[in-house]
PDB file of all heavy atoms in Angstrom:
ATOM      1  N   HIS A   1     141.901-130.999-103.459  1.00  0.00           N
ATOM      2  CA  HIS A   1     143.289-131.235-103.003  1.00  0.00           C
ATOM      3  C   HIS A   1     143.739-130.007-102.189  1.00  0.00           C
ATOM      4  O   HIS A   1     143.565-128.811-102.558  1.00  0.00           O
ATOM      5  CB  HIS A   1     144.229-131.373-104.204  1.00  0.00           C
ATOM      6  CG  HIS A   1     145.518-132.005-103.903  1.00  0.00           C
ATOM      7  ND1 HIS A   1     146.468-131.363-103.114  1.00  0.00           N
ATOM      8  CD2 HIS A   1     146.056-133.226-104.206  1.00  0.00           C
ATOM      9  CE1 HIS A   1     147.543-132.203-102.987  1.00  0.00           C
ATOM     10  NE2 HIS A   1     147.309-133.286-103.645  1.00  0.00           N
ATOM     11  N   SER A   2     144.349-130.290-100.990  1.00  0.00           N
ATOM     12  CA  SER A   2     144.647-129.175-100.095  1.00  0.00           C
ATOM     13  C   SER A   2     145.718-128.236-100.582  1.00  0.00           C
ATOM     14  O   SER A   2     145.833-127.105-100.108  1.00  0.00           O
ATOM     15  CB  SER A   2     145.043-129.803 -98.718  1.00  0.00           C
ATOM     16  OG  SER A   2     146.238-130.650 -98.948  1.00  0.00           O
ATOM     17  N   ASP A   3     146.526-128.712-101.574  1.00  0.00           N
ATOM     18  CA  ASP A   3     147.632-127.903-102.084  1.00  0.00           C
ATOM     19  C   ASP A   3     147.241-127.038-103.315  1.00  0.00           C
ATOM     20  O   ASP A   3     148.118-126.426-103.926  1.00  0.00           O
ATOM     21  CB  ASP A   3     148.837-128.778-102.409  1.00  0.00           C
ATOM     22  CG  ASP A   3     149.457-129.416-101.174  1.00  0.00           C
ATOM     23  OD1 ASP A   3     149.307-128.793-100.099  1.00  0.00           O
ATOM     24  OD2 ASP A   3     150.062-130.454-101.283  1.00  0.00           O
ATOM     25  N   ILE A   4     145.976-127.102-103.723  1.00  0.00           N
ATOM     26  CA  ILE A   4     145.530-126.391-104.918  1.00  0.00           C
ATOM     27  C   ILE A   4     144.534-125.300-104.536  1.00  0.00           C
ATOM     28  O   ILE A   4     143.530-125.552-103.868  1.00  0.00           O
ATOM     29  CB  ILE A   4     144.972-127.318-105.941  1.00  0.00           C
ATOM     30  CG1 ILE A   4     146.032-128.355-106.462  1.00  0.00           C
ATOM     31  CG2 ILE A   4     144.314-126.553-107.117  1.00  0.00           C
ATOM     32  CD1 ILE A   4     145.499-129.348-107.347  1.00  0.00           C
ATOM     33  N   ARG A   5     144.814-124.054-104.920  1.00  0.00           N
ATOM     34  CA  ARG A   5     143.953-122.957-104.612  1.00  0.00           C
ATOM     35  C   ARG A   5     142.933-122.684-105.757  1.00  0.00           C
ATOM     36  O   ARG A   5     141.846-122.270-105.546  1.00  0.00           O
ATOM     37  CB  ARG A   5     144.778-121.710-104.395  1.00  0.00           C
ATOM     38  CG  ARG A   5     143.982-120.404-104.068  1.00  0.00           C
ATOM     39  CD  ARG A   5     144.845-119.333-103.458  1.00  0.00           C
ATOM     40  NE  ARG A   5     145.882-118.913-104.358  1.00  0.00           N
ATOM     41  CZ  ARG A   5     145.778-118.005-105.332  1.00  0.00           C
ATOM     42  NH1 ARG A   5     144.600-117.389-105.524  1.00  0.00           N
ATOM     43  NH2 ARG A   5     146.758-117.617-106.018  1.00  0.00           N
ATOM     44  N   GLN A   6     143.360-122.875-106.981  1.00  0.00           N
ATOM     45  CA  GLN A   6     142.535-122.598-108.142  1.00  0.00           C
ATOM     46  C   GLN A   6     142.853-123.638-109.214  1.00  0.00           C
ATOM     47  O   GLN A   6     143.998-123.965-109.451  1.00  0.00           O
ATOM     48  CB  GLN A   6     142.753-121.215-108.618  1.00  0.00           C
ATOM     49  CG  GLN A   6     141.661-120.613-109.480  1.00  0.00           C
ATOM     50  CD  GLN A   6     141.833-119.105-109.725  1.00  0.00           C
ATOM     51  OE1 GLN A   6     142.924-118.617-109.517  1.00  0.00           O
ATOM     52  NE2 GLN A   6     140.836-118.430-110.211  1.00  0.00           N
ATOM     53  N   ALA A   7     141.783-124.082-109.926  1.00  0.00           N
ATOM     54  CA  ALA A   7     141.996-125.105-110.985  1.00  0.00           C
ATOM     55  C   ALA A   7     141.103-124.744-112.193  1.00  0.00           C
ATOM     56  O   ALA A   7     139.919-124.480-112.018  1.00  0.00           O
ATOM     57  CB  ALA A   7     141.722-126.491-110.478  1.00  0.00           C
ATOM     58  N   VAL A   8     141.655-124.917-113.357  1.00  0.00           N
ATOM     59  CA  VAL A   8     140.872-124.762-114.571  1.00  0.00           C
ATOM     60  C   VAL A   8     141.310-125.864-115.523  1.00  0.00           C
ATOM     61  O   VAL A   8     142.513-126.160-115.703  1.00  0.00           O
ATOM     62  CB  VAL A   8     141.119-123.401-115.321  1.00  0.00           C
ATOM     63  CG1 VAL A   8     140.483-123.341-116.683  1.00  0.00           C
ATOM     64  CG2 VAL A   8     140.594-122.249-114.458  1.00  0.00           C
ATOM     65  N   VAL A   9     140.307-126.553-116.107  1.00  0.00           N
ATOM     66  CA  VAL A   9     140.625-127.630-117.091  1.00  0.00           C
ATOM     67  C   VAL A   9     140.060-127.337-118.424  1.00  0.00           C
ATOM     68  O   VAL A   9     138.923-126.863-118.542  1.00  0.00           O
ATOM     69  CB  VAL A   9     140.026-128.992-116.507  1.00  0.00           C
ATOM     70  CG1 VAL A   9     140.281-130.099-117.529  1.00  0.00           C
ATOM     71  CG2 VAL A   9     140.586-129.291-115.175  1.00  0.00           C
ATOM     72  N   VAL A  10     140.860-127.510-119.457  1.00  0.00           N
ATOM     73  CA  VAL A  10     140.431-127.232-120.827  1.00  0.00           C
ATOM     74  C   VAL A  10     140.804-128.368-121.713  1.00  0.00           C
ATOM     75  O   VAL A  10     141.681-129.239-121.328  1.00  0.00           O
ATOM     76  CB  VAL A  10     141.090-125.924-121.400  1.00  0.00           C
ATOM     77  CG1 VAL A  10     140.672-124.724-120.513  1.00  0.00           C
ATOM     78  CG2 VAL A  10     142.612-126.062-121.479  1.00  0.00           C
ATOM     79  N   LEU A  11     140.211-128.460-122.825  1.00  0.00           N
ATOM     80  CA  LEU A  11     140.553-129.462-123.849  1.00  0.00           C
ATOM     81  C   LEU A  11     141.565-128.796-124.805  1.00  0.00           C
ATOM     82  O   LEU A  11     141.154-127.846-125.540  1.00  0.00           O
ATOM     83  CB  LEU A  11     139.333-129.942-124.606  1.00  0.00           C
ATOM     84  CG  LEU A  11     139.511-130.977-125.709  1.00  0.00           C
ATOM     85  CD1 LEU A  11     140.099-132.292-125.124  1.00  0.00           C
ATOM     86  CD2 LEU A  11     138.303-131.264-126.470  1.00  0.00           C
ATOM     87  N   ARG A  12     142.773-129.318-124.815  1.00  0.00           N
ATOM     88  CA  ARG A  12     143.790-128.738-125.781  1.00  0.00           C
ATOM     89  C   ARG A  12     143.731-129.519-127.069  1.00  0.00           C
ATOM     90  O   ARG A  12     143.728-130.737-127.091  1.00  0.00           O
ATOM     91  CB  ARG A  12     145.224-128.911-125.173  1.00  0.00           C
ATOM     92  CG  ARG A  12     145.377-128.136-123.847  1.00  0.00           C
ATOM     93  CD  ARG A  12     145.407-126.656-124.020  1.00  0.00           C
ATOM     94  NE  ARG A  12     146.201-126.147-125.044  1.00  0.00           N
ATOM     95  CZ  ARG A  12     146.550-124.878-125.162  1.00  0.00           C
ATOM     96  NH1 ARG A  12     146.174-123.988-124.273  1.00  0.00           N
ATOM     97  NH2 ARG A  12     147.345-124.432-126.181  1.00  0.00           N
ATOM     98  N   THR A  13     143.674-128.802-128.219  1.00  0.00           N
ATOM     99  CA  THR A  13     143.688-129.407-129.481  1.00  0.00           C
ATOM    100  C   THR A  13     144.894-128.996-130.305  1.00  0.00           C
ATOM    101  O   THR A  13     144.776-128.793-131.518  1.00  0.00           O
ATOM    102  CB  THR A  13     142.378-129.076-130.309  1.00  0.00           C
ATOM    103  OG1 THR A  13     142.261-127.613-130.279  1.00  0.00           O
ATOM    104  CG2 THR A  13     141.128-129.659-129.569  1.00  0.00           C
ATOM    105  N   ASP A  14     145.987-128.760-129.637  1.00  0.00           N
ATOM    106  CA  ASP A  14     147.258-128.420-130.321  1.00  0.00           C
ATOM    107  C   ASP A  14     147.623-129.476-131.390  1.00  0.00           C
ATOM    108  O   ASP A  14     148.112-129.173-132.449  1.00  0.00           O
ATOM    109  CB  ASP A  14     148.401-128.238-129.322  1.00  0.00           C
ATOM    110  CG  ASP A  14     148.043-127.235-128.218  1.00  0.00           C
ATOM    111  OD1 ASP A  14     148.176-125.980-128.449  1.00  0.00           O
ATOM    112  OD2 ASP A  14     147.542-127.644-127.169  1.00  0.00           O
ATOM    113  N   ASN A  15     147.367-130.683-131.014  1.00  0.00           N
ATOM    114  CA  ASN A  15     147.487-131.840-131.947  1.00  0.00           C
ATOM    115  C   ASN A  15     146.072-132.292-132.237  1.00  0.00           C
ATOM    116  O   ASN A  15     145.521-133.033-131.483  1.00  0.00           O
ATOM    117  CB  ASN A  15     148.322-132.950-131.358  1.00  0.00           C
ATOM    118  CG  ASN A  15     148.421-134.113-132.353  1.00  0.00           C
ATOM    119  OD1 ASN A  15     148.012-134.025-133.468  1.00  0.00           O
ATOM    120  ND2 ASN A  15     149.013-135.203-131.834  1.00  0.00           N
ATOM    121  N   PRO A  16     145.516-131.884-133.378  1.00  0.00           N
ATOM    122  CA  PRO A  16     144.063-132.158-133.680  1.00  0.00           C
ATOM    123  C   PRO A  16     143.789-133.679-133.692  1.00  0.00           C
ATOM    124  O   PRO A  16     142.644-134.101-133.354  1.00  0.00           O
ATOM    125  CB  PRO A  16     143.833-131.557-135.058  1.00  0.00           C
ATOM    126  CG  PRO A  16     144.914-130.541-135.222  1.00  0.00           C
ATOM    127  CD  PRO A  16     146.070-131.058-134.455  1.00  0.00           C
ATOM    128  N   GLU A  17     144.768-134.535-133.978  1.00  0.00           N
ATOM    129  CA  GLU A  17     144.574-135.932-134.072  1.00  0.00           C
ATOM    130  C   GLU A  17     144.577-136.575-132.627  1.00  0.00           C
ATOM    131  O   GLU A  17     144.154-137.729-132.474  1.00  0.00           O
ATOM    132  CB  GLU A  17     145.643-136.593-134.859  1.00  0.00           C
ATOM    133  CG  GLU A  17     145.620-136.148-136.372  1.00  0.00           C
ATOM    134  CD  GLU A  17     146.716-136.873-137.128  1.00  0.00           C
ATOM    135  OE1 GLU A  17     147.491-137.647-136.516  1.00  0.00           O
ATOM    136  OE2 GLU A  17     146.794-136.629-138.332  1.00  0.00           O
ATOM    137  N   ASP A  18     145.008-135.812-131.611  1.00  0.00           N
ATOM    138  CA  ASP A  18     145.085-136.404-130.253  1.00  0.00           C
ATOM    139  C   ASP A  18     144.777-135.339-129.266  1.00  0.00           C
ATOM    140  O   ASP A  18     145.631-134.807-128.563  1.00  0.00           O
ATOM    141  CB  ASP A  18     146.469-136.990-130.070  1.00  0.00           C
ATOM    142  CG  ASP A  18     146.534-137.688-128.666  1.00  0.00           C
ATOM    143  OD1 ASP A  18     145.511-138.138-128.170  1.00  0.00           O
ATOM    144  OD2 ASP A  18     147.635-137.726-128.111  1.00  0.00           O
ATOM    145  N   PRO A  19     143.447-134.901-129.129  1.00  0.00           N
ATOM    146  CA  PRO A  19     143.137-133.840-128.181  1.00  0.00           C
ATOM    147  C   PRO A  19     143.354-134.368-126.733  1.00  0.00           C
ATOM    148  O   PRO A  19     143.169-135.548-126.478  1.00  0.00           O
ATOM    149  CB  PRO A  19     141.626-133.605-128.448  1.00  0.00           C
ATOM    150  CG  PRO A  19     141.170-134.854-129.116  1.00  0.00           C
ATOM    151  CD  PRO A  19     142.328-135.363-129.943  1.00  0.00           C
ATOM    152  N   GLN A  20     143.829-133.436-125.802  1.00  0.00           N
ATOM    153  CA  GLN A  20     144.186-133.860-124.509  1.00  0.00           C
ATOM    154  C   GLN A  20     143.544-132.920-123.492  1.00  0.00           C
ATOM    155  O   GLN A  20     143.485-131.711-123.719  1.00  0.00           O
ATOM    156  CB  GLN A  20     145.682-133.910-124.301  1.00  0.00           C
ATOM    157  CG  GLN A  20     146.445-134.923-125.173  1.00  0.00           C
ATOM    158  CD  GLN A  20     146.343-136.291-124.596  1.00  0.00           C
ATOM    159  OE1 GLN A  20     145.799-136.502-123.516  1.00  0.00           O
ATOM    160  NE2 GLN A  20     146.927-137.247-125.305  1.00  0.00           N
ATOM    161  N   LEU A  21     143.114-133.483-122.371  1.00  0.00           N
ATOM    162  CA  LEU A  21     142.681-132.655-121.245  1.00  0.00           C
ATOM    163  C   LEU A  21     143.870-132.047-120.514  1.00  0.00           C
ATOM    164  O   LEU A  21     144.819-132.806-120.209  1.00  0.00           O
ATOM    165  CB  LEU A  21     141.794-133.443-120.247  1.00  0.00           C
ATOM    166  CG  LEU A  21     140.477-133.891-120.750  1.00  0.00           C
ATOM    167  CD1 LEU A  21     139.811-134.859-119.705  1.00  0.00           C
ATOM    168  CD2 LEU A  21     139.511-132.758-121.034  1.00  0.00           C
ATOM    169  N   ALA A  22     143.880-130.739-120.277  1.00  0.00           N
ATOM    170  CA  ALA A  22     144.976-130.103-119.627  1.00  0.00           C
ATOM    171  C   ALA A  22     144.467-129.370-118.390  1.00  0.00           C
ATOM    172  O   ALA A  22     143.441-128.589-118.474  1.00  0.00           O
ATOM    173  CB  ALA A  22     145.662-129.151-120.505  1.00  0.00           C
ATOM    174  N   ALA A  23     145.090-129.525-117.255  1.00  0.00           N
ATOM    175  CA  ALA A  23     144.723-128.871-116.017  1.00  0.00           C
ATOM    176  C   ALA A  23     145.694-127.747-115.655  1.00  0.00           C
ATOM    177  O   ALA A  23     146.915-127.968-115.672  1.00  0.00           O
ATOM    178  CB  ALA A  23     144.720-129.883-114.878  1.00  0.00           C
ATOM    179  N   TYR A  24     145.189-126.571-115.483  1.00  0.00           N
ATOM    180  CA  TYR A  24     145.966-125.445-115.118  1.00  0.00           C
ATOM    181  C   TYR A  24     145.692-125.099-113.620  1.00  0.00           C
ATOM    182  O   TYR A  24     144.559-124.980-113.207  1.00  0.00           O
ATOM    183  CB  TYR A  24     145.641-124.198-115.975  1.00  0.00           C
ATOM    184  CG  TYR A  24     146.039-124.365-117.397  1.00  0.00           C
ATOM    185  CD1 TYR A  24     145.187-125.107-118.315  1.00  0.00           C
ATOM    186  CD2 TYR A  24     147.147-123.851-117.910  1.00  0.00           C
ATOM    187  CE1 TYR A  24     145.565-125.274-119.606  1.00  0.00           C
ATOM    188  CE2 TYR A  24     147.551-124.015-119.235  1.00  0.00           C
ATOM    189  CZ  TYR A  24     146.744-124.731-120.107  1.00  0.00           C
ATOM    190  OH  TYR A  24     147.116-124.878-121.404  1.00  0.00           O
ATOM    191  N   LEU A  25     146.774-124.987-112.876  1.00  0.00           N
ATOM    192  CA  LEU A  25     146.629-124.955-111.435  1.00  0.00           C
ATOM    193  C   LEU A  25     147.395-123.878-110.743  1.00  0.00           C
ATOM    194  O   LEU A  25     148.533-123.530-111.186  1.00  0.00           O
ATOM    195  CB  LEU A  25     147.108-126.314-110.806  1.00  0.00           C
ATOM    196  CG  LEU A  25     146.546-127.589-111.461  1.00  0.00           C
ATOM    197  CD1 LEU A  25     147.346-128.852-111.041  1.00  0.00           C
ATOM    198  CD2 LEU A  25     145.111-127.777-111.168  1.00  0.00           C
ATOM    199  N   VAL A  26     146.786-123.178-109.787  1.00  0.00           N
ATOM    200  CA  VAL A  26     147.458-122.263-108.970  1.00  0.00           C
ATOM    201  C   VAL A  26     147.641-122.866-107.540  1.00  0.00           C
ATOM    202  O   VAL A  26     146.619-123.268-106.976  1.00  0.00           O
ATOM    203  CB  VAL A  26     146.650-120.926-108.810  1.00  0.00           C
ATOM    204  CG1 VAL A  26     147.340-119.951-107.878  1.00  0.00           C
ATOM    205  CG2 VAL A  26     146.453-120.298-110.211  1.00  0.00           C
ATOM    206  N   PRO A  27     148.832-122.979-107.066  1.00  0.00           N
ATOM    207  CA  PRO A  27     149.042-123.660-105.799  1.00  0.00           C
ATOM    208  C   PRO A  27     148.534-122.800-104.633  1.00  0.00           C
ATOM    209  O   PRO A  27     148.531-121.624-104.676  1.00  0.00           O
ATOM    210  CB  PRO A  27     150.554-123.821-105.736  1.00  0.00           C
ATOM    211  CG  PRO A  27     151.159-122.675-106.566  1.00  0.00           C
ATOM    212  CD  PRO A  27     150.089-122.531-107.695  1.00  0.00           C
ATOM    213  N   ALA A  28     148.155-123.576-103.544  1.00  0.00           N
ATOM    214  CA  ALA A  28     147.739-122.950-102.340  1.00  0.00           C
ATOM    215  C   ALA A  28     148.936-122.559-101.469  1.00  0.00           C
ATOM    216  O   ALA A  28     148.870-121.612-100.677  1.00  0.00           O
ATOM    217  CB  ALA A  28     146.792-123.856-101.565  1.00  0.00           C
TER     218      ALA A  28
END
């Protein structure tokens, strides 16, 4: 994506019963 300079994706388990993929982004 042209508007994203840096991206990191992690699996968040804040709610163990419903883990979610979370994307952390630094804009370009």
